[in-house]
Amino acid sequence: MEFVFLLGSYSDIQALNALPLNLPPNSEIYGDFAYTDYTAEDILYEENQIKLMVMQKKIIATRCPLSQYIKQHIRHYIETVFSQITLRFPKSIYAVTFQGFLLKIQTFIWGYTLNKAFIN
């Protein structure tokens, strides 16, 4: 699992480029239409053998039924992970420094990851 904290003004593709992407060859990264950047897609594949699987709603509807079901299932999962993480947040997060705030957010993300690993 990899994540990066960026300002809201950064685009999704800038966030993708900020990740270290320490993934094994032939891995797949799933994203929505905001990741449609063919140059980035080519670089990921050429340098790391990583496939960027972009799932646009319009394109999903034109695929075969099995492919459509799989992609919609994955797309739904992508869209709900953040809300599942934030459910674990307390009503307020007290931190003295920005680094302390980021550390607390990271613990919620790792808590979500551990929870998924041991419960599922």
Protein backbone atom coordinates (compact mmCIF):
# COMPACT_ATOMS: atom_id res chain seq x y z
CA MET A 1 0.00 0.00 0.00
CA GLU A 2 1.33 3.42 -0.94
CA PHE A 3 -0.10 6.86 -0.34
CA VAL A 4 0.98 10.47 -0.56
CA PHE A 5 -0.38 13.67 0.98
CA LEU A 6 -0.64 16.61 -1.41
CA LEU A 7 -2.50 19.89 -1.56
CA GLY A 8 -5.96 19.85 -3.10
CA SER A 9 -4.68 21.87 -6.05
CA TYR A 10 -2.63 18.89 -7.29
CA SER A 11 -4.17 16.75 -10.00
CA ASP A 12 -4.66 13.01 -9.70
CA ILE A 13 -1.90 12.32 -12.21
CA GLN A 14 0.51 14.51 -10.20
CA ALA A 15 -0.35 12.44 -7.13
CA LEU A 16 0.29 9.25 -9.08
CA ASN A 17 3.67 10.59 -10.18
CA ALA A 18 4.52 11.47 -6.54
CA LEU A 19 4.14 7.84 -5.42
CA PRO A 20 7.30 5.70 -5.30
CA LEU A 21 5.42 2.77 -6.91
CA ASN A 22 7.54 -0.01 -5.48
CA LEU A 23 5.48 -2.65 -7.22
CA PRO A 24 6.51 -5.93 -8.83
CA PRO A 25 6.53 -6.15 -12.65
CA ASN A 26 3.19 -6.87 -14.32
CA SER A 27 1.27 -5.09 -11.53
CA GLU A 28 -1.89 -3.20 -12.33
CA ILE A 29 -2.97 0.18 -10.97
CA TYR A 30 -6.67 0.99 -11.22
CA GLY A 31 -7.89 4.55 -11.48
CA ASP A 32 -10.75 6.59 -12.83
CA PHE A 33 -10.80 8.88 -15.84
CA ALA A 34 -8.70 11.52 -14.02
CA TYR A 35 -5.70 9.29 -14.68
CA THR A 36 -6.09 9.42 -18.46
CA ASP A 37 -2.58 10.52 -19.31
CA TYR A 38 -1.20 8.39 -22.10
CA THR A 39 2.36 9.63 -21.59
CA ALA A 40 2.33 8.61 -17.91
CA GLU A 41 0.73 5.30 -18.86
CA ASP A 42 3.49 4.61 -21.41
CA ILE A 43 6.25 5.57 -18.96
CA LEU A 44 4.84 3.32 -16.22
CA TYR A 45 4.74 0.39 -18.58
CA GLU A 46 8.10 0.97 -20.26
CA GLU A 47 10.06 1.62 -17.06
CA ASN A 48 8.34 -0.70 -14.58
CA GLN A 49 6.08 -3.05 -16.58
CA ILE A 50 3.13 -1.61 -14.61
CA LYS A 51 -0.24 -1.32 -16.33
CA LEU A 52 -2.42 1.70 -15.59
CA MET A 53 -6.01 0.50 -15.86
CA VAL A 54 -8.24 3.52 -16.39
CA MET A 55 -11.94 2.88 -15.86
CA GLN A 56 -14.14 5.50 -17.41
CA LYS A 57 -17.86 5.00 -16.88
CA LYS A 58 -18.61 5.50 -20.60
CA ILE A 59 -16.01 2.92 -21.61
CA ILE A 60 -17.13 0.42 -18.97
CA ALA A 61 -20.61 0.37 -20.50
CA THR A 62 -19.28 -0.66 -23.93
CA ARG A 63 -17.23 -3.69 -22.77
CA CYS A 64 -18.29 -7.29 -22.48
CA PRO A 65 -20.57 -8.07 -19.51
CA LEU A 66 -17.90 -9.91 -17.48
CA SER A 67 -15.33 -7.14 -17.98
CA GLN A 68 -18.01 -4.56 -17.18
CA TYR A 69 -18.92 -6.33 -13.91
CA ILE A 70 -15.28 -6.68 -12.80
CA LYS A 71 -14.42 -3.07 -13.56
CA GLN A 72 -17.55 -1.72 -11.89
CA HIS A 73 -16.80 -3.80 -8.80
CA ILE A 74 -13.21 -2.49 -8.66
CA ARG A 75 -14.37 1.07 -9.39
CA HIS A 76 -16.86 0.89 -6.51
CA TYR A 77 -14.11 -0.36 -4.19
CA ILE A 78 -11.80 2.50 -5.22
CA GLU A 79 -14.53 5.05 -4.58
CA THR A 80 -15.40 3.73 -1.10
CA VAL A 81 -11.97 3.12 0.45
CA PHE A 82 -11.50 6.74 1.51
CA SER A 83 -14.88 6.85 3.23
CA GLN A 84 -14.05 3.61 5.05
CA ILE A 85 -10.79 5.13 6.30
CA THR A 86 -12.45 8.35 7.46
CA LEU A 87 -15.05 6.36 9.40
CA ARG A 88 -12.21 5.50 11.78
CA PHE A 89 -11.33 9.16 12.35
CA PRO A 90 -12.39 10.71 15.65
CA LYS A 91 -14.62 13.79 15.56
CA SER A 92 -11.54 15.97 15.99
CA ILE A 93 -7.84 15.33 15.51
CA TYR A 94 -5.61 17.17 17.93
CA ALA A 95 -2.06 17.75 16.78
CA VAL A 96 0.45 20.44 17.75
CA THR A 97 2.39 20.33 14.47
CA PHE A 98 1.53 19.57 10.86
CA GLN A 99 3.88 16.57 10.98
CA GLY A 100 2.00 15.30 14.03
CA PHE A 101 -1.29 15.68 12.16
CA LEU A 102 0.09 13.71 9.18
CA LEU A 103 1.36 11.01 11.54
CA LYS A 104 -2.11 10.61 13.05
CA ILE A 105 -3.70 10.38 9.58
CA GLN A 106 -1.12 7.75 8.63
CA THR A 107 -2.05 5.68 11.68
CA PHE A 108 -5.71 5.68 10.57
CA ILE A 109 -4.66 4.49 7.11
CA TRP A 110 -2.47 1.74 8.57
CA GLY A 111 -5.25 0.80 10.98
CA TYR A 112 -7.61 0.41 8.04
CA THR A 113 -5.01 -1.70 6.21
CA LEU A 114 -4.42 -3.99 9.19
CA ASN A 115 -8.13 -4.32 9.78
CA LYS A 116 -8.67 -5.38 6.16
CA ALA A 117 -5.73 -7.80 6.31
CA PHE A 118 -6.92 -9.62 9.43
CA ILE A 119 -10.69 -9.48 9.01
CA ASN A 120 -10.95 -10.18 5.28
